[in-house]
Amino acid sequence: MLPTIDNTTTRLSKGNYLENRKAASDFLKSEKLDKVPIQFFLLNEESLEKIQVAELLSTVNSNLTLTFKPEDTLRRTTLTRYKVLQKIKINKNKYQ
């Protein structure tokens, strides 16, 4: 089950959206992944809290697909939530 448009809007509003998007943009540029197709690894599609990072990255590079195969994480163009959160900090909204 994939999130609907309403859930996506709610997820992305979990913090300061513009600051988070700038951090994601800087991260993708530094890794040279801003103009290439990238994949985002998830264990299962029920982990909607973890998909928030993928949603944020997809606002910068719209050529993002989800993958559920662990062997894909060996590729340079496959990101995980852990890899991304080591490099950037996503601000969350305290009031939601």
N, C-alpha and C. Protein backbone atom coordinates (compact mmCIF):
# COMPACT_ATOMS: atom_id res chain seq x y z
N MET A 1 0.85 -1.17 0.00
CA MET A 1 0.00 0.00 0.00
C MET A 1 0.89 1.24 0.00
N LEU A 2 0.76 2.05 -1.01
CA LEU A 2 1.55 3.29 -1.12
C LEU A 2 0.76 4.45 -0.54
N PRO A 3 1.45 5.46 -0.02
CA PRO A 3 0.75 6.60 0.57
C PRO A 3 -0.01 7.40 -0.49
N THR A 4 -1.12 7.95 -0.09
CA THR A 4 -1.90 8.79 -0.99
C THR A 4 -1.34 10.21 -0.95
N ILE A 5 -1.89 11.07 -1.78
CA ILE A 5 -1.42 12.45 -1.83
C ILE A 5 -1.58 13.13 -0.48
N ASP A 6 -2.68 12.87 0.22
CA ASP A 6 -2.90 13.49 1.51
C ASP A 6 -1.84 13.06 2.52
N ASN A 7 -1.49 11.76 2.54
CA ASN A 7 -0.45 11.29 3.44
C ASN A 7 0.89 11.88 3.09
N THR A 8 1.18 12.03 1.80
CA THR A 8 2.45 12.59 1.37
C THR A 8 2.59 14.02 1.87
N THR A 9 1.54 14.80 1.74
CA THR A 9 1.58 16.18 2.20
C THR A 9 1.82 16.22 3.71
N THR A 10 1.15 15.34 4.45
CA THR A 10 1.33 15.30 5.90
C THR A 10 2.74 14.90 6.25
N ARG A 11 3.28 13.91 5.57
CA ARG A 11 4.63 13.43 5.87
C ARG A 11 5.66 14.52 5.62
N LEU A 12 5.55 15.21 4.51
CA LEU A 12 6.56 16.20 4.18
C LEU A 12 6.46 17.44 5.06
N SER A 13 5.34 17.63 5.72
CA SER A 13 5.20 18.79 6.58
C SER A 13 5.72 18.52 7.99
N LYS A 14 6.39 17.40 8.19
CA LYS A 14 6.86 17.05 9.53
C LYS A 14 7.97 17.92 10.05
N GLY A 15 8.43 18.85 9.32
CA GLY A 15 9.48 19.73 9.81
C GLY A 15 9.53 20.95 8.93
N ASN A 16 10.63 21.62 8.96
CA ASN A 16 10.80 22.77 8.11
C ASN A 16 11.13 22.26 6.70
N TYR A 17 10.13 22.22 5.86
CA TYR A 17 10.23 21.60 4.54
C TYR A 17 11.34 22.21 3.69
N LEU A 18 11.44 23.53 3.66
CA LEU A 18 12.44 24.18 2.82
C LEU A 18 13.86 23.88 3.29
N GLU A 19 14.08 23.88 4.59
CA GLU A 19 15.41 23.55 5.11
C GLU A 19 15.76 22.09 4.84
N ASN A 20 14.78 21.21 5.04
CA ASN A 20 15.02 19.79 4.77
C ASN A 20 15.30 19.55 3.30
N ARG A 21 14.58 20.22 2.42
CA ARG A 21 14.78 20.07 0.98
C ARG A 21 16.15 20.60 0.56
N LYS A 22 16.59 21.69 1.16
CA LYS A 22 17.92 22.25 0.87
C LYS A 22 19.00 21.27 1.31
N ALA A 23 18.85 20.68 2.49
CA ALA A 23 19.83 19.70 2.98
C ALA A 23 19.86 18.48 2.07
N ALA A 24 18.70 18.02 1.61
CA ALA A 24 18.64 16.87 0.70
C ALA A 24 19.28 17.22 -0.63
N SER A 25 19.05 18.42 -1.12
CA SER A 25 19.63 18.86 -2.38
C SER A 25 21.15 18.92 -2.28
N ASP A 26 21.66 19.49 -1.20
CA ASP A 26 23.11 19.57 -1.00
C ASP A 26 23.72 18.17 -0.89
N PHE A 27 23.03 17.27 -0.20
CA PHE A 27 23.52 15.90 -0.06
C PHE A 27 23.61 15.20 -1.41
N LEU A 28 22.56 15.30 -2.22
CA LEU A 28 22.57 14.64 -3.53
C LEU A 28 23.64 15.23 -4.45
N LYS A 29 23.84 16.55 -4.37
CA LYS A 29 24.88 17.17 -5.20
C LYS A 29 26.27 16.72 -4.75
N SER A 30 26.49 16.63 -3.46
CA SER A 30 27.80 16.23 -2.96
C SER A 30 28.11 14.77 -3.31
N GLU A 31 27.08 13.94 -3.39
CA GLU A 31 27.27 12.54 -3.75
C GLU A 31 27.17 12.31 -5.26
N LYS A 32 26.95 13.40 -6.01
CA LYS A 32 26.77 13.35 -7.46
C LYS A 32 25.62 12.44 -7.87
N LEU A 33 24.52 12.55 -7.14
CA LEU A 33 23.33 11.75 -7.40
C LEU A 33 22.12 12.61 -7.75
N ASP A 34 22.35 13.89 -8.02
CA ASP A 34 21.22 14.79 -8.27
C ASP A 34 20.66 14.66 -9.69
N LYS A 35 21.41 14.09 -10.63
CA LYS A 35 20.94 14.01 -12.02
C LYS A 35 20.90 12.59 -12.56
N VAL A 36 21.13 11.60 -11.71
CA VAL A 36 21.11 10.20 -12.14
C VAL A 36 19.93 9.48 -11.49
N PRO A 37 19.46 8.40 -12.10
CA PRO A 37 18.39 7.61 -11.45
C PRO A 37 18.91 6.99 -10.15
N ILE A 38 18.16 7.14 -9.08
CA ILE A 38 18.56 6.56 -7.80
C ILE A 38 17.47 5.64 -7.29
N GLN A 39 17.87 4.74 -6.42
CA GLN A 39 16.94 3.83 -5.77
C GLN A 39 17.02 4.06 -4.27
N PHE A 40 15.93 3.75 -3.59
CA PHE A 40 15.88 3.88 -2.14
C PHE A 40 15.43 2.54 -1.59
N PHE A 41 16.24 1.95 -0.72
CA PHE A 41 15.96 0.62 -0.19
C PHE A 41 15.09 0.69 1.06
N LEU A 42 14.04 -0.15 1.07
CA LEU A 42 13.18 -0.35 2.24
C LEU A 42 13.02 -1.84 2.45
N LEU A 43 12.87 -2.26 3.70
CA LEU A 43 12.64 -3.68 3.97
C LEU A 43 11.25 -4.11 3.51
N ASN A 44 10.26 -3.28 3.79
CA ASN A 44 8.89 -3.57 3.34
C ASN A 44 8.15 -2.26 3.12
N GLU A 45 7.05 -2.33 2.42
CA GLU A 45 6.34 -1.09 2.10
C GLU A 45 5.43 -0.62 3.22
N GLU A 46 5.37 -1.34 4.32
CA GLU A 46 4.57 -0.89 5.46
C GLU A 46 5.31 0.12 6.33
N SER A 47 6.59 0.32 6.11
CA SER A 47 7.37 1.23 6.95
C SER A 47 7.23 2.67 6.44
N LEU A 48 6.05 3.23 6.62
CA LEU A 48 5.76 4.58 6.10
C LEU A 48 6.58 5.66 6.77
N GLU A 49 6.97 5.45 8.02
CA GLU A 49 7.80 6.45 8.70
C GLU A 49 9.17 6.55 8.02
N LYS A 50 9.67 5.43 7.54
CA LYS A 50 10.98 5.42 6.90
C LYS A 50 10.92 5.95 5.47
N ILE A 51 9.76 5.90 4.87
CA ILE A 51 9.63 6.37 3.49
C ILE A 51 9.66 7.89 3.41
N GLN A 52 9.56 8.56 4.54
CA GLN A 52 9.60 10.03 4.57
C GLN A 52 10.90 10.55 3.95
N VAL A 53 12.00 9.89 4.20
CA VAL A 53 13.29 10.32 3.64
C VAL A 53 13.26 10.18 2.12
N ALA A 54 12.71 9.08 1.63
CA ALA A 54 12.60 8.88 0.18
C ALA A 54 11.71 9.94 -0.46
N GLU A 55 10.63 10.30 0.21
CA GLU A 55 9.74 11.34 -0.30
C GLU A 55 10.46 12.67 -0.40
N LEU A 56 11.25 12.98 0.59
CA LEU A 56 12.00 14.23 0.59
C LEU A 56 13.03 14.24 -0.54
N LEU A 57 13.75 13.13 -0.72
CA LEU A 57 14.74 13.05 -1.79
C LEU A 57 14.08 13.13 -3.16
N SER A 58 12.87 12.60 -3.28
CA SER A 58 12.18 12.62 -4.58
C SER A 58 11.74 14.02 -4.98
N THR A 59 11.69 14.95 -4.03
CA THR A 59 11.36 16.33 -4.39
C THR A 59 12.55 17.01 -5.06
N VAL A 60 13.75 16.48 -4.85
CA VAL A 60 14.96 17.02 -5.46
C VAL A 60 15.29 16.27 -6.74
N ASN A 61 15.27 14.94 -6.69
CA ASN A 61 15.53 14.10 -7.85
C ASN A 61 14.30 13.23 -8.06
N SER A 62 13.49 13.58 -9.03
CA SER A 62 12.24 12.86 -9.24
C SER A 62 12.43 11.49 -9.87
N ASN A 63 13.65 11.15 -10.24
CA ASN A 63 13.94 9.85 -10.83
C ASN A 63 14.35 8.87 -9.73
N LEU A 64 13.50 8.72 -8.71
CA LEU A 64 13.76 7.85 -7.57
C LEU A 64 12.77 6.71 -7.58
N THR A 65 13.26 5.51 -7.41
CA THR A 65 12.39 4.33 -7.30
C THR A 65 12.70 3.61 -6.00
N LEU A 66 11.71 2.88 -5.51
CA LEU A 66 11.90 2.09 -4.30
C LEU A 66 12.36 0.69 -4.68
N THR A 67 13.22 0.12 -3.86
CA THR A 67 13.65 -1.24 -4.05
C THR A 67 13.52 -1.98 -2.72
N PHE A 68 13.22 -3.27 -2.81
CA PHE A 68 13.07 -4.09 -1.61
C PHE A 68 14.08 -5.23 -1.59
N LYS A 69 15.08 -5.17 -2.49
CA LYS A 69 16.11 -6.21 -2.59
C LYS A 69 17.37 -5.74 -1.85
N PRO A 70 17.80 -6.47 -0.81
CA PRO A 70 19.00 -6.06 -0.07
C PRO A 70 20.25 -6.00 -0.92
N GLU A 71 20.35 -6.83 -1.96
CA GLU A 71 21.56 -6.81 -2.79
C GLU A 71 21.70 -5.51 -3.57
N ASP A 72 20.63 -4.76 -3.75
CA ASP A 72 20.70 -3.48 -4.44
C ASP A 72 21.48 -2.43 -3.64
N THR A 73 21.59 -2.63 -2.33
CA THR A 73 22.27 -1.63 -1.50
C THR A 73 23.77 -1.59 -1.76
N LEU A 74 24.30 -2.56 -2.50
CA LEU A 74 25.72 -2.55 -2.83
C LEU A 74 26.04 -1.56 -3.94
N ARG A 75 25.03 -1.10 -4.66
CA ARG A 75 25.24 -0.12 -5.73
C ARG A 75 25.42 1.27 -5.14
N ARG A 76 26.19 2.08 -5.82
CA ARG A 76 26.42 3.46 -5.37
C ARG A 76 25.17 4.31 -5.49
N THR A 77 24.30 3.96 -6.42
CA THR A 77 23.10 4.77 -6.66
C THR A 77 21.91 4.33 -5.82
N THR A 78 22.12 3.40 -4.90
CA THR A 78 21.04 2.97 -4.01
C THR A 78 21.29 3.57 -2.63
N LEU A 79 20.31 4.28 -2.13
CA LEU A 79 20.41 4.91 -0.81
C LEU A 79 19.54 4.18 0.20
N THR A 80 19.94 4.25 1.44
CA THR A 80 19.12 3.75 2.54
C THR A 80 18.86 4.90 3.49
N ARG A 81 17.90 4.73 4.33
CA ARG A 81 17.59 5.76 5.31
C ARG A 81 18.81 6.03 6.19
N TYR A 82 19.50 4.97 6.57
CA TYR A 82 20.69 5.09 7.42
C TYR A 82 21.79 5.90 6.73
N LYS A 83 22.06 5.62 5.45
CA LYS A 83 23.10 6.34 4.71
C LYS A 83 22.79 7.83 4.63
N VAL A 84 21.54 8.14 4.38
CA VAL A 84 21.15 9.55 4.23
C VAL A 84 21.20 10.27 5.57
N LEU A 85 20.68 9.64 6.61
CA LEU A 85 20.62 10.32 7.91
C LEU A 85 21.99 10.44 8.58
N GLN A 86 22.99 9.71 8.09
CA GLN A 86 24.35 9.93 8.57
C GLN A 86 24.91 11.25 8.07
N LYS A 87 24.46 11.67 6.90
CA LYS A 87 25.02 12.87 6.26
C LYS A 87 24.17 14.13 6.49
N ILE A 88 22.85 13.97 6.61
CA ILE A 88 22.00 15.14 6.81
C ILE A 88 21.09 14.93 8.02
N LYS A 89 20.61 16.02 8.56
CA LYS A 89 19.68 15.98 9.68
C LYS A 89 18.34 16.53 9.19
N ILE A 90 17.30 15.75 9.36
CA ILE A 90 15.97 16.19 8.95
C ILE A 90 15.26 16.76 10.17
N ASN A 91 14.85 18.01 10.06
CA ASN A 91 14.13 18.67 11.16
C ASN A 91 12.70 18.19 11.18
N LYS A 92 12.23 17.79 12.35
CA LYS A 92 10.84 17.34 12.50
C LYS A 92 10.03 18.42 13.19
N ASN A 93 8.77 18.48 12.86
CA ASN A 93 7.86 19.43 13.46
C ASN A 93 7.51 18.96 14.86
N LYS A 94 7.77 19.77 15.87
CA LYS A 94 7.51 19.40 17.27
C LYS A 94 6.02 19.43 17.60
N TYR A 95 5.24 20.10 16.80
CA TYR A 95 3.83 20.34 17.13
C TYR A 95 2.87 19.40 16.44
N GLN A 96 3.36 18.38 15.76
CA GLN A 96 2.48 17.47 15.04
C GLN A 96 2.40 16.15 15.71
